[in-house]
Amino acid sequence: MSFLSKLFKNDRAEITSRKPVGKFKVEKVFEILTKQVLVGEVVEGVIYPGYKLKGNNVALIREIQRDRQKVDFAVEYDKVALVLEGRINTGEGEILEIYQS
């Protein structure tokens, strides 16, 4: 594999577990410095950074923020922002499933 192909290889997130550990309702979608950020509410379960978010495709949750502060996790009814690694095709009002890595 050449240097350029290693540099630009497409590392797509994949789901390995079968059962979702939570659900997230999207309220807004932003692009901030090449990162996709989803703002919304945890509908069910607990979310940690490193978990995967699944809609039409899959993205890794890189960071969780509540009130513009980085937090270690989010629980049911928390309103948070999820900073993603990768992109997911989603819209406002959509409920996405969360899976463990």
N, C-alpha and C. Protein backbone atom coordinates (compact mmCIF):
# COMPACT_ATOMS: atom_id res chain seq x y z
N MET A 1 0.84 -1.16 0.00
CA MET A 1 0.00 0.00 0.00
C MET A 1 0.90 1.24 0.00
N SER A 2 0.61 2.15 -0.89
CA SER A 2 1.43 3.35 -0.99
C SER A 2 1.14 4.31 0.17
N PHE A 3 2.02 5.28 0.33
CA PHE A 3 1.87 6.27 1.40
C PHE A 3 0.56 7.03 1.27
N LEU A 4 0.23 7.47 0.04
CA LEU A 4 -0.99 8.24 -0.16
C LEU A 4 -2.24 7.41 0.11
N SER A 5 -2.24 6.15 -0.28
CA SER A 5 -3.42 5.33 -0.04
C SER A 5 -3.60 5.07 1.46
N LYS A 6 -2.50 4.96 2.22
CA LYS A 6 -2.60 4.81 3.67
C LYS A 6 -3.14 6.09 4.29
N LEU A 7 -2.69 7.22 3.78
CA LEU A 7 -3.10 8.51 4.31
C LEU A 7 -4.59 8.78 4.08
N PHE A 8 -5.08 8.39 2.91
CA PHE A 8 -6.46 8.69 2.54
C PHE A 8 -7.38 7.48 2.55
N LYS A 9 -6.98 6.41 3.21
CA LYS A 9 -7.85 5.23 3.21
C LYS A 9 -9.14 5.52 3.94
N ASN A 10 -10.19 4.85 3.54
CA ASN A 10 -11.52 5.10 4.07
C ASN A 10 -11.79 4.17 5.24
N ASP A 11 -11.59 4.65 6.47
CA ASP A 11 -11.88 3.87 7.67
C ASP A 11 -13.33 4.13 8.05
N ARG A 12 -14.20 3.20 7.70
CA ARG A 12 -15.61 3.34 8.03
C ARG A 12 -15.90 2.59 9.31
N ALA A 13 -16.72 3.18 10.16
CA ALA A 13 -17.13 2.53 11.39
C ALA A 13 -18.12 1.42 11.04
N GLU A 14 -18.05 0.33 11.78
CA GLU A 14 -18.97 -0.78 11.57
C GLU A 14 -19.55 -1.21 12.91
N ILE A 15 -20.75 -1.75 12.87
CA ILE A 15 -21.43 -2.24 14.07
C ILE A 15 -21.07 -3.71 14.26
N THR A 16 -20.62 -4.06 15.48
CA THR A 16 -20.29 -5.45 15.76
C THR A 16 -21.27 -6.08 16.75
N SER A 17 -21.92 -5.28 17.59
CA SER A 17 -22.91 -5.83 18.52
C SER A 17 -24.27 -5.89 17.83
N ARG A 18 -25.13 -6.74 18.33
CA ARG A 18 -26.44 -6.93 17.69
C ARG A 18 -27.55 -6.09 18.31
N LYS A 19 -27.43 -5.77 19.60
CA LYS A 19 -28.50 -5.08 20.29
C LYS A 19 -28.07 -3.65 20.64
N PRO A 20 -28.90 -2.65 20.30
CA PRO A 20 -28.54 -1.27 20.64
C PRO A 20 -28.57 -1.07 22.16
N VAL A 21 -27.68 -0.20 22.66
CA VAL A 21 -27.62 0.11 24.09
C VAL A 21 -28.34 1.42 24.41
N GLY A 22 -28.78 2.12 23.38
CA GLY A 22 -29.48 3.38 23.61
C GLY A 22 -30.04 3.95 22.33
N LYS A 23 -30.78 5.07 22.49
CA LYS A 23 -31.35 5.77 21.36
C LYS A 23 -31.17 7.27 21.57
N PHE A 24 -31.01 7.99 20.45
CA PHE A 24 -30.74 9.42 20.47
C PHE A 24 -31.65 10.11 19.47
N LYS A 25 -32.38 11.14 19.92
CA LYS A 25 -33.26 11.90 19.03
C LYS A 25 -32.54 13.16 18.59
N VAL A 26 -32.38 13.33 17.28
CA VAL A 26 -31.66 14.46 16.70
C VAL A 26 -32.57 15.69 16.65
N GLU A 27 -32.06 16.81 17.19
CA GLU A 27 -32.79 18.08 17.13
C GLU A 27 -32.16 19.03 16.12
N LYS A 28 -30.82 19.02 16.03
CA LYS A 28 -30.11 19.88 15.06
C LYS A 28 -28.85 19.17 14.60
N VAL A 29 -28.42 19.52 13.39
CA VAL A 29 -27.19 18.98 12.81
C VAL A 29 -26.30 20.14 12.40
N PHE A 30 -25.02 20.11 12.84
CA PHE A 30 -24.06 21.17 12.54
C PHE A 30 -22.79 20.58 11.95
N GLU A 31 -22.04 21.42 11.24
CA GLU A 31 -20.69 21.11 10.79
C GLU A 31 -19.78 22.12 11.46
N ILE A 32 -18.85 21.67 12.31
CA ILE A 32 -17.93 22.56 13.00
C ILE A 32 -16.51 22.06 12.78
N LEU A 33 -15.73 22.86 12.04
CA LEU A 33 -14.33 22.51 11.75
C LEU A 33 -14.18 21.08 11.25
N THR A 34 -14.86 20.73 10.23
CA THR A 34 -14.83 19.42 9.55
C THR A 34 -15.43 18.27 10.36
N LYS A 35 -15.97 18.55 11.54
CA LYS A 35 -16.62 17.52 12.34
C LYS A 35 -18.12 17.72 12.29
N GLN A 36 -18.86 16.63 12.22
CA GLN A 36 -20.31 16.71 12.28
C GLN A 36 -20.73 16.65 13.74
N VAL A 37 -21.64 17.54 14.13
CA VAL A 37 -22.12 17.61 15.51
C VAL A 37 -23.64 17.46 15.50
N LEU A 38 -24.14 16.52 16.28
CA LEU A 38 -25.58 16.32 16.42
C LEU A 38 -26.00 16.79 17.80
N VAL A 39 -27.01 17.64 17.85
CA VAL A 39 -27.56 18.12 19.11
C VAL A 39 -28.92 17.46 19.28
N GLY A 40 -29.16 16.95 20.49
CA GLY A 40 -30.44 16.29 20.72
C GLY A 40 -30.54 15.73 22.11
N GLU A 41 -31.45 14.76 22.27
CA GLU A 41 -31.76 14.19 23.58
C GLU A 41 -31.55 12.69 23.56
N VAL A 42 -30.98 12.19 24.65
CA VAL A 42 -30.85 10.74 24.83
C VAL A 42 -32.23 10.24 25.20
N VAL A 43 -32.80 9.40 24.35
CA VAL A 43 -34.16 8.90 24.55
C VAL A 43 -34.16 7.67 25.45
N GLU A 44 -33.07 6.90 25.36
CA GLU A 44 -33.02 5.63 26.08
C GLU A 44 -31.57 5.22 26.29
N GLY A 45 -31.24 4.66 27.45
CA GLY A 45 -29.92 4.11 27.69
C GLY A 45 -28.87 5.12 28.13
N VAL A 46 -27.61 4.69 28.02
CA VAL A 46 -26.45 5.50 28.39
C VAL A 46 -25.51 5.54 27.19
N ILE A 47 -24.93 6.72 26.92
CA ILE A 47 -24.02 6.90 25.78
C ILE A 47 -22.65 7.29 26.31
N TYR A 48 -21.60 6.65 25.78
CA TYR A 48 -20.21 6.98 26.11
C TYR A 48 -19.47 7.33 24.82
N PRO A 49 -18.43 8.16 24.92
CA PRO A 49 -17.57 8.37 23.75
C PRO A 49 -16.98 7.02 23.34
N GLY A 50 -16.85 6.80 22.04
CA GLY A 50 -16.36 5.53 21.54
C GLY A 50 -17.48 4.62 21.08
N TYR A 51 -18.71 4.90 21.51
CA TYR A 51 -19.86 4.14 21.02
C TYR A 51 -20.14 4.56 19.58
N LYS A 52 -20.96 3.77 18.90
CA LYS A 52 -21.27 4.05 17.50
C LYS A 52 -22.74 4.42 17.35
N LEU A 53 -22.97 5.37 16.46
CA LEU A 53 -24.30 5.89 16.18
C LEU A 53 -24.72 5.37 14.82
N LYS A 54 -25.93 4.79 14.74
CA LYS A 54 -26.38 4.20 13.48
C LYS A 54 -27.67 4.83 12.99
N GLY A 55 -27.63 5.29 11.76
CA GLY A 55 -28.81 5.77 11.04
C GLY A 55 -28.79 5.05 9.71
N ASN A 56 -28.70 5.80 8.60
CA ASN A 56 -28.52 5.19 7.28
C ASN A 56 -27.11 4.63 7.13
N ASN A 57 -26.16 5.20 7.85
CA ASN A 57 -24.79 4.69 7.91
C ASN A 57 -24.32 4.81 9.36
N VAL A 58 -23.04 4.57 9.62
CA VAL A 58 -22.53 4.49 10.99
C VAL A 58 -21.41 5.51 11.19
N ALA A 59 -21.38 6.14 12.38
CA ALA A 59 -20.31 7.07 12.75
C ALA A 59 -19.94 6.84 14.21
N LEU A 60 -18.69 7.10 14.52
CA LEU A 60 -18.16 6.95 15.88
C LEU A 60 -18.40 8.23 16.68
N ILE A 61 -18.85 8.09 17.93
CA ILE A 61 -19.02 9.24 18.81
C ILE A 61 -17.67 9.56 19.41
N ARG A 62 -17.09 10.68 19.03
CA ARG A 62 -15.75 11.07 19.49
C ARG A 62 -15.82 11.79 20.83
N GLU A 63 -16.87 12.62 21.03
CA GLU A 63 -16.97 13.43 22.25
C GLU A 63 -18.43 13.72 22.55
N ILE A 64 -18.75 13.86 23.83
CA ILE A 64 -20.09 14.25 24.27
C ILE A 64 -19.96 15.55 25.06
N GLN A 65 -20.84 16.53 24.75
CA GLN A 65 -20.82 17.81 25.45
C GLN A 65 -22.20 18.13 25.99
N ARG A 66 -22.23 18.65 27.23
CA ARG A 66 -23.46 19.14 27.84
C ARG A 66 -23.17 20.55 28.32
N ASP A 67 -23.99 21.51 27.93
CA ASP A 67 -23.79 22.92 28.29
C ASP A 67 -22.38 23.39 27.91
N ARG A 68 -21.93 22.97 26.73
CA ARG A 68 -20.62 23.34 26.16
C ARG A 68 -19.43 22.84 26.98
N GLN A 69 -19.66 21.85 27.80
CA GLN A 69 -18.61 21.23 28.59
C GLN A 69 -18.51 19.75 28.22
N LYS A 70 -17.30 19.26 28.05
CA LYS A 70 -17.08 17.85 27.73
C LYS A 70 -17.47 17.00 28.94
N VAL A 71 -18.24 15.93 28.69
CA VAL A 71 -18.66 15.02 29.75
C VAL A 71 -18.25 13.59 29.39
N ASP A 72 -18.20 12.73 30.40
CA ASP A 72 -17.76 11.35 30.20
C ASP A 72 -18.87 10.45 29.68
N PHE A 73 -20.13 10.81 29.90
CA PHE A 73 -21.25 10.00 29.44
C PHE A 73 -22.52 10.83 29.45
N ALA A 74 -23.58 10.30 28.84
CA ALA A 74 -24.90 10.94 28.86
C ALA A 74 -25.94 9.86 29.13
N VAL A 75 -26.94 10.20 29.93
CA VAL A 75 -27.99 9.25 30.29
C VAL A 75 -29.33 9.72 29.74
N GLU A 76 -30.33 8.86 29.91
CA GLU A 76 -31.67 9.14 29.42
C GLU A 76 -32.15 10.52 29.86
N TYR A 77 -32.76 11.26 28.93
CA TYR A 77 -33.31 12.61 29.10
C TYR A 77 -32.26 13.72 29.09
N ASP A 78 -30.97 13.39 28.98
CA ASP A 78 -29.94 14.43 28.86
C ASP A 78 -30.01 15.06 27.47
N LYS A 79 -29.90 16.39 27.42
CA LYS A 79 -29.78 17.10 26.14
C LYS A 79 -28.30 17.36 25.94
N VAL A 80 -27.73 16.80 24.87
CA VAL A 80 -26.28 16.85 24.66
C VAL A 80 -25.96 17.11 23.19
N ALA A 81 -24.68 17.37 22.96
CA ALA A 81 -24.14 17.47 21.60
C ALA A 81 -23.16 16.30 21.44
N LEU A 82 -23.29 15.58 20.34
CA LEU A 82 -22.40 14.48 20.02
C LEU A 82 -21.47 14.91 18.89
N VAL A 83 -20.17 14.92 19.15
CA VAL A 83 -19.18 15.24 18.12
C VAL A 83 -18.78 13.92 17.49
N LEU A 84 -18.98 13.81 16.18
CA LEU A 84 -18.77 12.53 15.49
C LEU A 84 -17.46 12.48 14.73
N GLU A 85 -16.94 11.29 14.62
CA GLU A 85 -15.82 11.03 13.71
C GLU A 85 -16.46 10.32 12.53
N GLY A 86 -16.46 10.97 11.40
CA GLY A 86 -17.19 10.46 10.25
C GLY A 86 -18.49 11.24 10.10
N ARG A 87 -19.27 10.87 9.14
CA ARG A 87 -20.52 11.57 8.86
C ARG A 87 -21.66 10.56 8.82
N ILE A 88 -22.82 11.04 9.23
CA ILE A 88 -24.02 10.21 9.20
C ILE A 88 -25.13 11.03 8.53
N ASN A 89 -25.86 10.40 7.66
CA ASN A 89 -26.97 11.08 6.98
C ASN A 89 -28.18 11.03 7.89
N THR A 90 -28.55 12.18 8.45
CA THR A 90 -29.68 12.24 9.36
C THR A 90 -30.34 13.60 9.28
N GLY A 91 -31.51 13.70 9.83
CA GLY A 91 -32.23 14.96 9.84
C GLY A 91 -32.88 15.19 11.19
N GLU A 92 -33.42 16.37 11.37
CA GLU A 92 -34.07 16.73 12.62
C GLU A 92 -35.27 15.82 12.88
N GLY A 93 -35.41 15.40 14.13
CA GLY A 93 -36.53 14.54 14.52
C GLY A 93 -36.26 13.06 14.37
N GLU A 94 -35.18 12.68 13.73
CA GLU A 94 -34.87 11.26 13.53
C GLU A 94 -34.32 10.66 14.83
N ILE A 95 -34.69 9.41 15.09
CA ILE A 95 -34.19 8.70 16.27
C ILE A 95 -33.16 7.68 15.78
N LEU A 96 -31.93 7.80 16.32
CA LEU A 96 -30.81 6.95 15.91
C LEU A 96 -30.48 5.96 17.02
N GLU A 97 -29.99 4.79 16.65
CA GLU A 97 -29.62 3.77 17.62
C GLU A 97 -28.14 3.92 17.99
N ILE A 98 -27.81 3.59 19.24
CA ILE A 98 -26.45 3.64 19.76
C ILE A 98 -25.99 2.21 20.04
N TYR A 99 -24.77 1.89 19.61
CA TYR A 99 -24.21 0.56 19.82
C TYR A 99 -22.86 0.67 20.50
N GLN A 100 -22.53 -0.33 21.34
CA GLN A 100 -21.20 -0.39 21.95
C GLN A 100 -20.18 -0.74 20.87
N SER A 101 -18.95 -0.30 21.09
CA SER A 101 -17.88 -0.60 20.14
C SER A 101 -17.44 -2.04 20.26
